[in-house]
Amino acid sequence: MIEKIVILYDNRAAEGLIPDWGFSTFIEGETNILFDTGAKAEILEKNAATLSINLSDIDSIFISHNYWDHTGGLKTVTEKAPHADIFVPESDAEFFEEEVGEKGIVIPVEDPTVIAPEIFSTGMMPTGMRDPAFEHALVAKTEKGSILVTGCSHPGIERIAEEAVRLSEEKLYMIIGGFHLYKKDETSIKKIAEKLMDFTEFVAPCHCTGNSGIEVFKETFKDRFIDCRAGTEIAF
């Protein structure tokens, strides 16, 4: 069960932190998990230090998909936490094994997989793209309910949310991460936002959701919307 999430890397940032295109979040609990590693290691390190997050305290690393804005800090993180298990889509396991060498243990994920007690992967979901072809997301139990953490949601945020609900067997408490809507028009985003209201109580969209998409979710979810950027801390 997790207790807190701290956004380390995002296109937007709170004062004193560095914004940059990419995503990473620290998931704190009995097992500390780093979800994705942003695009640039130096920004990830600086933001983590500002937020008093020690990257060597990471027990596991969860890479949502093999894309530069989510994997850029991986080598640096594995140097600081060489003991960490690294959960990656099975389709890209060979790439990540070469990337980290002997620093860290790469664990390929194909089907829904337990990452830690009450924390699991949705399993690989097809993106409909050549690169990356697959992506997985993380579902975790909190005292307030299950949450879903997404990287870029290339398979479709609605599909991922539906699968998370199926696996957790309950409506989600919150969805956090990139929804990959920055190229969509506001009408399409509005329909997606309204559909997600059936799957989750709160949303915290960031990264590739896009500024207009974030505004649509804010208008749709109202007091169920959480402003999310580097520096955001959410306790459960």
C-alpha atoms as a PDB file:
ATOM      1  CA  MET A   1       0.000   0.000   0.000  1.00  0.00           C
ATOM      2  CA  ILE A   2       1.335   3.449  -0.841  1.00  0.00           C
ATOM      3  CA  GLU A   3       1.215   6.562   1.307  1.00  0.00           C
ATOM      4  CA  LYS A   4       2.318   9.428  -0.915  1.00  0.00           C
ATOM      5  CA  ILE A   5       3.189  10.444  -4.469  1.00  0.00           C
ATOM      6  CA  VAL A   6       5.640  13.229  -5.326  1.00  0.00           C
ATOM      7  CA  ILE A   7       5.913  14.476  -8.912  1.00  0.00           C
ATOM      8  CA  LEU A   8       9.608  14.929  -9.722  1.00  0.00           C
ATOM      9  CA  TYR A   9       9.524  15.717 -13.436  1.00  0.00           C
ATOM     10  CA  ASP A  10       6.900  17.385 -15.594  1.00  0.00           C
ATOM     11  CA  ASN A  11       6.417  19.980 -18.340  1.00  0.00           C
ATOM     12  CA  ARG A  12       5.169  22.356 -15.641  1.00  0.00           C
ATOM     13  CA  ALA A  13       6.790  22.923 -12.266  1.00  0.00           C
ATOM     14  CA  ALA A  14       6.206  24.635  -8.950  1.00  0.00           C
ATOM     15  CA  GLU A  15       8.432  27.553  -8.006  1.00  0.00           C
ATOM     16  CA  GLY A  16      12.004  26.493  -7.325  1.00  0.00           C
ATOM     17  CA  LEU A  17      11.792  23.408  -9.554  1.00  0.00           C
ATOM     18  CA  ILE A  18      12.802  22.912 -13.186  1.00  0.00           C
ATOM     19  CA  PRO A  19      10.084  22.221 -15.791  1.00  0.00           C
ATOM     20  CA  ASP A  20      10.927  20.066 -18.805  1.00  0.00           C
ATOM     21  CA  TRP A  21       9.107  17.791 -21.248  1.00  0.00           C
ATOM     22  CA  GLY A  22       8.955  14.391 -19.579  1.00  0.00           C
ATOM     23  CA  PHE A  23       7.541  12.611 -16.566  1.00  0.00           C
ATOM     24  CA  SER A  24       8.699  10.974 -13.343  1.00  0.00           C
ATOM     25  CA  THR A  25       7.078  10.461  -9.978  1.00  0.00           C
ATOM     26  CA  PHE A  26       8.253   9.045  -6.659  1.00  0.00           C
ATOM     27  CA  ILE A  27       5.806   6.622  -5.063  1.00  0.00           C
ATOM     28  CA  GLU A  28       6.388   6.291  -1.334  1.00  0.00           C
ATOM     29  CA  GLY A  29       5.255   3.384   0.825  1.00  0.00           C
ATOM     30  CA  GLU A  30       6.496   0.094   2.213  1.00  0.00           C
ATOM     31  CA  THR A  31       8.199  -0.226  -1.173  1.00  0.00           C
ATOM     32  CA  ASN A  32       9.524   2.992  -2.727  1.00  0.00           C
ATOM     33  CA  ILE A  33       9.001   3.060  -6.479  1.00  0.00           C
ATOM     34  CA  LEU A  34      10.265   5.515  -9.084  1.00  0.00           C
ATOM     35  CA  PHE A  35       7.765   5.623 -11.940  1.00  0.00           C
ATOM     36  CA  ASP A  36       9.644   6.707 -15.102  1.00  0.00           C
ATOM     37  CA  THR A  37      12.785   8.847 -15.011  1.00  0.00           C
ATOM     38  CA  GLY A  38      12.099  11.958 -17.100  1.00  0.00           C
ATOM     39  CA  ALA A  39      14.159  13.109 -20.080  1.00  0.00           C
ATOM     40  CA  LYS A  40      17.301  14.584 -18.498  1.00  0.00           C
ATOM     41  CA  ALA A  41      19.133  13.048 -15.563  1.00  0.00           C
ATOM     42  CA  GLU A  42      20.446  16.379 -14.281  1.00  0.00           C
ATOM     43  CA  ILE A  43      16.923  17.841 -14.030  1.00  0.00           C
ATOM     44  CA  LEU A  44      15.607  14.718 -12.309  1.00  0.00           C
ATOM     45  CA  GLU A  45      18.467  14.870  -9.792  1.00  0.00           C
ATOM     46  CA  LYS A  46      18.040  18.588  -9.090  1.00  0.00           C
ATOM     47  CA  ASN A  47      14.266  18.360  -8.646  1.00  0.00           C
ATOM     48  CA  ALA A  48      14.580  15.290  -6.438  1.00  0.00           C
ATOM     49  CA  ALA A  49      17.143  17.048  -4.237  1.00  0.00           C
ATOM     50  CA  THR A  50      14.960  20.152  -3.956  1.00  0.00           C
ATOM     51  CA  LEU A  51      12.063  17.939  -2.861  1.00  0.00           C
ATOM     52  CA  SER A  52      14.265  16.028  -0.385  1.00  0.00           C
ATOM     53  CA  ILE A  53      13.837  12.770  -2.282  1.00  0.00           C
ATOM     54  CA  ASN A  54      16.890  10.518  -2.042  1.00  0.00           C
ATOM     55  CA  LEU A  55      17.086   8.492  -5.261  1.00  0.00           C
ATOM     56  CA  SER A  56      19.179   5.847  -3.485  1.00  0.00           C
ATOM     57  CA  ASP A  57      16.109   5.028  -1.368  1.00  0.00           C
ATOM     58  CA  ILE A  58      14.338   3.594  -4.405  1.00  0.00           C
ATOM     59  CA  ASP A  59      13.500  -0.112  -4.161  1.00  0.00           C
ATOM     60  CA  SER A  60      12.009  -0.519  -7.640  1.00  0.00           C
ATOM     61  CA  ILE A  61      11.897   1.381 -10.918  1.00  0.00           C
ATOM     62  CA  PHE A  62       8.831   1.184 -13.148  1.00  0.00           C
ATOM     63  CA  ILE A  63       9.334   2.215 -16.783  1.00  0.00           C
ATOM     64  CA  SER A  64       5.989   2.730 -18.507  1.00  0.00           C
ATOM     65  CA  HIS A  65       7.395   2.614 -22.042  1.00  0.00           C
ATOM     66  CA  ASN A  66      10.586   2.942 -24.015  1.00  0.00           C
ATOM     67  CA  TYR A  67      10.563   6.621 -24.922  1.00  0.00           C
ATOM     68  CA  TRP A  68      13.273   9.208 -24.288  1.00  0.00           C
ATOM     69  CA  ASP A  69      11.180  11.533 -22.109  1.00  0.00           C
ATOM     70  CA  HIS A  70      10.513   8.688 -19.660  1.00  0.00           C
ATOM     71  CA  THR A  71      13.869   6.894 -19.677  1.00  0.00           C
ATOM     72  CA  GLY A  72      16.457   9.697 -19.812  1.00  0.00           C
ATOM     73  CA  GLY A  73      17.434   9.452 -16.153  1.00  0.00           C
ATOM     74  CA  LEU A  74      17.486   5.665 -15.930  1.00  0.00           C
ATOM     75  CA  LYS A  75      21.259   5.131 -16.029  1.00  0.00           C
ATOM     76  CA  THR A  76      21.819   7.758 -13.343  1.00  0.00           C
ATOM     77  CA  VAL A  77      19.115   6.308 -11.101  1.00  0.00           C
ATOM     78  CA  THR A  78      20.496   2.772 -11.416  1.00  0.00           C
ATOM     79  CA  GLU A  79      23.926   4.064 -10.411  1.00  0.00           C
ATOM     80  CA  LYS A  80      22.401   5.505  -7.243  1.00  0.00           C
ATOM     81  CA  ALA A  81      20.156   2.488  -6.599  1.00  0.00           C
ATOM     82  CA  PRO A  82      21.894  -0.531  -8.203  1.00  0.00           C
ATOM     83  CA  HIS A  83      19.826  -2.846  -6.008  1.00  0.00           C
ATOM     84  CA  ALA A  84      16.545  -1.733  -7.602  1.00  0.00           C
ATOM     85  CA  ASP A  85      14.375  -4.056  -9.667  1.00  0.00           C
ATOM     86  CA  ILE A  86      13.467  -2.453 -13.004  1.00  0.00           C
ATOM     87  CA  PHE A  87      10.043  -3.375 -14.367  1.00  0.00           C
ATOM     88  CA  VAL A  88       9.775  -2.786 -18.128  1.00  0.00           C
ATOM     89  CA  PRO A  89       7.509  -3.904 -20.983  1.00  0.00           C
ATOM     90  CA  GLU A  90       8.654  -7.349 -22.099  1.00  0.00           C
ATOM     91  CA  SER A  91       8.875  -6.104 -25.699  1.00  0.00           C
ATOM     92  CA  ASP A  92      11.767  -3.796 -24.757  1.00  0.00           C
ATOM     93  CA  ALA A  93      13.503  -5.920 -22.118  1.00  0.00           C
ATOM     94  CA  GLU A  94      16.578  -6.575 -24.252  1.00  0.00           C
ATOM     95  CA  PHE A  95      17.067  -2.843 -24.859  1.00  0.00           C
ATOM     96  CA  PHE A  96      16.885  -2.045 -21.139  1.00  0.00           C
ATOM     97  CA  GLU A  97      19.203  -4.906 -20.207  1.00  0.00           C
ATOM     98  CA  GLU A  98      21.835  -3.401 -22.492  1.00  0.00           C
ATOM     99  CA  GLU A  99      21.054   0.089 -21.197  1.00  0.00           C
ATOM    100  CA  VAL A 100      21.646  -0.616 -17.505  1.00  0.00           C
ATOM    101  CA  GLY A 101      24.194  -3.445 -17.785  1.00  0.00           C
ATOM    102  CA  GLU A 102      24.878  -4.925 -14.354  1.00  0.00           C
ATOM    103  CA  LYS A 103      23.311  -2.009 -12.468  1.00  0.00           C
ATOM    104  CA  GLY A 104      19.826  -3.154 -11.541  1.00  0.00           C
ATOM    105  CA  ILE A 105      17.788  -6.216 -12.397  1.00  0.00           C
ATOM    106  CA  VAL A 106      15.512  -5.890 -15.422  1.00  0.00           C
ATOM    107  CA  ILE A 107      12.188  -7.688 -14.967  1.00  0.00           C
ATOM    108  CA  PRO A 108      10.147  -8.067 -18.181  1.00  0.00           C
ATOM    109  CA  VAL A 109       6.408  -7.529 -17.771  1.00  0.00           C
ATOM    110  CA  GLU A 110       3.941  -8.988 -20.265  1.00  0.00           C
ATOM    111  CA  ASP A 111       0.776  -9.816 -18.334  1.00  0.00           C
ATOM    112  CA  PRO A 112      -0.625  -8.109 -15.209  1.00  0.00           C
ATOM    113  CA  THR A 113       2.189  -8.485 -12.665  1.00  0.00           C
ATOM    114  CA  VAL A 114       2.604  -7.852  -8.948  1.00  0.00           C
ATOM    115  CA  ILE A 115       5.327  -5.222  -8.391  1.00  0.00           C
ATOM    116  CA  ALA A 116       5.027  -5.099  -4.605  1.00  0.00           C
ATOM    117  CA  PRO A 117       2.263  -5.916  -2.086  1.00  0.00           C
ATOM    118  CA  GLU A 118      -0.974  -4.318  -3.398  1.00  0.00           C
ATOM    119  CA  ILE A 119       0.901  -2.688  -6.290  1.00  0.00           C
ATOM    120  CA  PHE A 120       0.807  -4.160  -9.787  1.00  0.00           C
ATOM    121  CA  SER A 121       1.266  -3.520 -13.491  1.00  0.00           C
ATOM    122  CA  THR A 122      -1.642  -3.570 -15.917  1.00  0.00           C
ATOM    123  CA  GLY A 123       0.518  -5.681 -18.200  1.00  0.00           C
ATOM    124  CA  MET A 124       1.557  -4.636 -21.688  1.00  0.00           C
ATOM    125  CA  MET A 125      -1.088  -2.834 -23.706  1.00  0.00           C
ATOM    126  CA  PRO A 126      -0.636  -2.144 -27.452  1.00  0.00           C
ATOM    127  CA  THR A 127      -0.152   1.509 -28.373  1.00  0.00           C
ATOM    128  CA  GLY A 128      -1.070   1.203 -32.049  1.00  0.00           C
ATOM    129  CA  MET A 129       2.324   2.738 -32.835  1.00  0.00           C
ATOM    130  CA  ARG A 130       5.557   1.288 -34.178  1.00  0.00           C
ATOM    131  CA  ASP A 131       7.576   2.923 -31.417  1.00  0.00           C
ATOM    132  CA  PRO A 132       6.771   2.354 -28.627  1.00  0.00           C
ATOM    133  CA  ALA A 133       4.617  -0.640 -29.510  1.00  0.00           C
ATOM    134  CA  PHE A 134       3.598  -1.361 -25.922  1.00  0.00           C
ATOM    135  CA  GLU A 135       3.082   0.496 -22.669  1.00  0.00           C
ATOM    136  CA  HIS A 136       2.046  -0.553 -19.171  1.00  0.00           C
ATOM    137  CA  ALA A 137       0.709   1.420 -16.227  1.00  0.00           C
ATOM    138  CA  LEU A 138       0.797   1.029 -12.461  1.00  0.00           C
ATOM    139  CA  VAL A 139      -2.148   0.384 -10.156  1.00  0.00           C
ATOM    140  CA  ALA A 140      -1.718   0.712  -6.393  1.00  0.00           C
ATOM    141  CA  LYS A 141      -3.886   0.424  -3.316  1.00  0.00           C
ATOM    142  CA  THR A 142      -4.101   3.323  -0.863  1.00  0.00           C
ATOM    143  CA  GLU A 143      -6.193   3.835   2.240  1.00  0.00           C
ATOM    144  CA  LYS A 144      -8.545   5.940   0.093  1.00  0.00           C
ATOM    145  CA  GLY A 145      -8.847   3.443  -2.748  1.00  0.00           C
ATOM    146  CA  SER A 146      -6.946   2.330  -5.841  1.00  0.00           C
ATOM    147  CA  ILE A 147      -4.963   4.780  -7.946  1.00  0.00           C
ATOM    148  CA  LEU A 148      -3.711   4.514 -11.523  1.00  0.00           C
ATOM    149  CA  VAL A 149      -0.393   6.062 -12.584  1.00  0.00           C
ATOM    150  CA  THR A 150       0.173   6.443 -16.324  1.00  0.00           C
ATOM    151  CA  GLY A 151       3.173   7.484 -18.381  1.00  0.00           C
ATOM    152  CA  CYS A 152       1.850   8.669 -21.752  1.00  0.00           C
ATOM    153  CA  SER A 153      -1.358   6.621 -22.146  1.00  0.00           C
ATOM    154  CA  HIS A 154      -0.596   5.781 -25.770  1.00  0.00           C
ATOM    155  CA  PRO A 155      -3.030   2.815 -25.631  1.00  0.00           C
ATOM    156  CA  GLY A 156      -5.779   5.339 -24.743  1.00  0.00           C
ATOM    157  CA  ILE A 157      -6.433   6.648 -21.252  1.00  0.00           C
ATOM    158  CA  GLU A 158      -9.989   5.286 -21.291  1.00  0.00           C
ATOM    159  CA  ARG A 159      -8.777   1.774 -22.156  1.00  0.00           C
ATOM    160  CA  ILE A 160      -6.105   1.879 -19.478  1.00  0.00           C
ATOM    161  CA  ALA A 161      -8.569   3.149 -16.863  1.00  0.00           C
ATOM    162  CA  GLU A 162     -11.082   0.464 -17.789  1.00  0.00           C
ATOM    163  CA  GLU A 163      -8.410  -2.231 -17.421  1.00  0.00           C
ATOM    164  CA  ALA A 164      -7.284  -0.789 -14.080  1.00  0.00           C
ATOM    165  CA  VAL A 165     -10.860  -0.886 -12.785  1.00  0.00           C
ATOM    166  CA  ARG A 166     -11.218  -4.477 -13.983  1.00  0.00           C
ATOM    167  CA  LEU A 167      -8.012  -5.544 -12.264  1.00  0.00           C
ATOM    168  CA  SER A 168      -8.610  -3.651  -9.008  1.00  0.00           C
ATOM    169  CA  GLU A 169     -12.293  -4.640  -8.959  1.00  0.00           C
ATOM    170  CA  GLU A 170     -13.352  -1.186  -7.839  1.00  0.00           C
ATOM    171  CA  LYS A 171     -13.770   2.352  -9.107  1.00  0.00           C
ATOM    172  CA  LEU A 172     -10.478   4.214  -8.945  1.00  0.00           C
ATOM    173  CA  TYR A 173      -9.788   6.890  -6.388  1.00  0.00           C
ATOM    174  CA  MET A 174      -7.436   8.819  -8.669  1.00  0.00           C
ATOM    175  CA  ILE A 175      -5.701   8.754 -12.063  1.00  0.00           C
ATOM    176  CA  ILE A 176      -2.338  10.515 -12.209  1.00  0.00           C
ATOM    177  CA  GLY A 177      -0.007  11.113 -15.161  1.00  0.00           C
ATOM    178  CA  GLY A 178       0.113  11.858 -18.862  1.00  0.00           C
ATOM    179  CA  PHE A 179      -3.062  11.274 -20.857  1.00  0.00           C
ATOM    180  CA  HIS A 180      -1.556  12.006 -24.329  1.00  0.00           C
ATOM    181  CA  LEU A 181      -4.259  14.416 -25.440  1.00  0.00           C
ATOM    182  CA  TYR A 182      -2.157  17.416 -26.478  1.00  0.00           C
ATOM    183  CA  LYS A 183      -2.941  16.876 -30.178  1.00  0.00           C
ATOM    184  CA  LYS A 184      -6.692  16.366 -29.717  1.00  0.00           C
ATOM    185  CA  ASP A 185      -9.391  19.017 -30.027  1.00  0.00           C
ATOM    186  CA  GLU A 186     -11.320  20.191 -26.971  1.00  0.00           C
ATOM    187  CA  THR A 187     -14.551  18.465 -28.028  1.00  0.00           C
ATOM    188  CA  SER A 188     -12.818  15.076 -28.162  1.00  0.00           C
ATOM    189  CA  ILE A 189     -11.053  15.728 -24.854  1.00  0.00           C
ATOM    190  CA  LYS A 190     -14.348  16.685 -23.225  1.00  0.00           C
ATOM    191  CA  LYS A 191     -15.871  13.331 -24.219  1.00  0.00           C
ATOM    192  CA  ILE A 192     -12.879  11.473 -22.786  1.00  0.00           C
ATOM    193  CA  ALA A 193     -13.029  13.477 -19.554  1.00  0.00           C
ATOM    194  CA  GLU A 194     -16.744  12.747 -19.137  1.00  0.00           C
ATOM    195  CA  LYS A 195     -16.131   9.033 -19.708  1.00  0.00           C
ATOM    196  CA  LEU A 196     -13.347   8.964 -17.126  1.00  0.00           C
ATOM    197  CA  MET A 197     -15.754  10.330 -14.515  1.00  0.00           C
ATOM    198  CA  ASP A 198     -17.287   6.842 -14.496  1.00  0.00           C
ATOM    199  CA  PHE A 199     -13.912   5.264 -13.748  1.00  0.00           C
ATOM    200  CA  THR A 200     -12.365   7.570 -11.147  1.00  0.00           C
ATOM    201  CA  GLU A 201     -13.197   9.977  -8.348  1.00  0.00           C
ATOM    202  CA  PHE A 202     -10.255  12.348  -8.953  1.00  0.00           C
ATOM    203  CA  VAL A 203      -7.889  13.139 -11.832  1.00  0.00           C
ATOM    204  CA  ALA A 204      -4.408  14.670 -11.782  1.00  0.00           C
ATOM    205  CA  PRO A 205      -3.470  15.034 -15.469  1.00  0.00           C
ATOM    206  CA  CYS A 206      -0.065  16.378 -16.502  1.00  0.00           C
ATOM    207  CA  HIS A 207       2.769  15.926 -19.025  1.00  0.00           C
ATOM    208  CA  CYS A 208       1.408  15.037 -22.500  1.00  0.00           C
ATOM    209  CA  THR A 209      -2.208  15.765 -21.549  1.00  0.00           C
ATOM    210  CA  GLY A 210      -1.449  19.274 -22.866  1.00  0.00           C
ATOM    211  CA  ASN A 211      -2.414  22.624 -21.406  1.00  0.00           C
ATOM    212  CA  SER A 212      -5.801  22.776 -23.136  1.00  0.00           C
ATOM    213  CA  GLY A 213      -6.517  19.189 -22.100  1.00  0.00           C
ATOM    214  CA  ILE A 214      -5.672  19.988 -18.490  1.00  0.00           C
ATOM    215  CA  GLU A 215      -8.086  22.928 -18.607  1.00  0.00           C
ATOM    216  CA  VAL A 216     -10.871  20.735 -20.005  1.00  0.00           C
ATOM    217  CA  PHE A 217     -10.364  18.216 -17.187  1.00  0.00           C
ATOM    218  CA  LYS A 218     -10.370  21.047 -14.664  1.00  0.00           C
ATOM    219  CA  GLU A 219     -13.697  22.329 -16.004  1.00  0.00           C
ATOM    220  CA  THR A 220     -15.196  18.826 -16.187  1.00  0.00           C
ATOM    221  CA  PHE A 221     -14.073  17.399 -12.831  1.00  0.00           C
ATOM    222  CA  LYS A 222     -14.274  20.715 -10.911  1.00  0.00           C
ATOM    223  CA  ASP A 223     -13.438  19.992  -7.237  1.00  0.00           C
ATOM    224  CA  ARG A 224     -12.419  16.475  -8.250  1.00  0.00           C
ATOM    225  CA  PHE A 225      -9.510  17.910 -10.285  1.00  0.00           C
ATOM    226  CA  ILE A 226      -5.978  17.961  -8.802  1.00  0.00           C
ATOM    227  CA  ASP A 227      -3.452  20.429 -10.216  1.00  0.00           C
ATOM    228  CA  CYS A 228      -0.401  18.316 -11.044  1.00  0.00           C
ATOM    229  CA  ARG A 229       3.149  19.434 -11.881  1.00  0.00           C
ATOM    230  CA  ALA A 230       6.706  18.871 -10.680  1.00  0.00           C
ATOM    231  CA  GLY A 231       6.591  19.522  -6.956  1.00  0.00           C
ATOM    232  CA  THR A 232       3.037  18.284  -6.424  1.00  0.00           C
ATOM    233  CA  GLU A 233       2.705  15.993  -3.400  1.00  0.00           C
ATOM    234  CA  ILE A 234      -0.407  13.876  -2.899  1.00  0.00           C
ATOM    235  CA  ALA A 235      -0.877  11.980   0.374  1.00  0.00           C
ATOM    236  CA  PHE A 236      -3.292   9.069   0.752  1.00  0.00           C
END
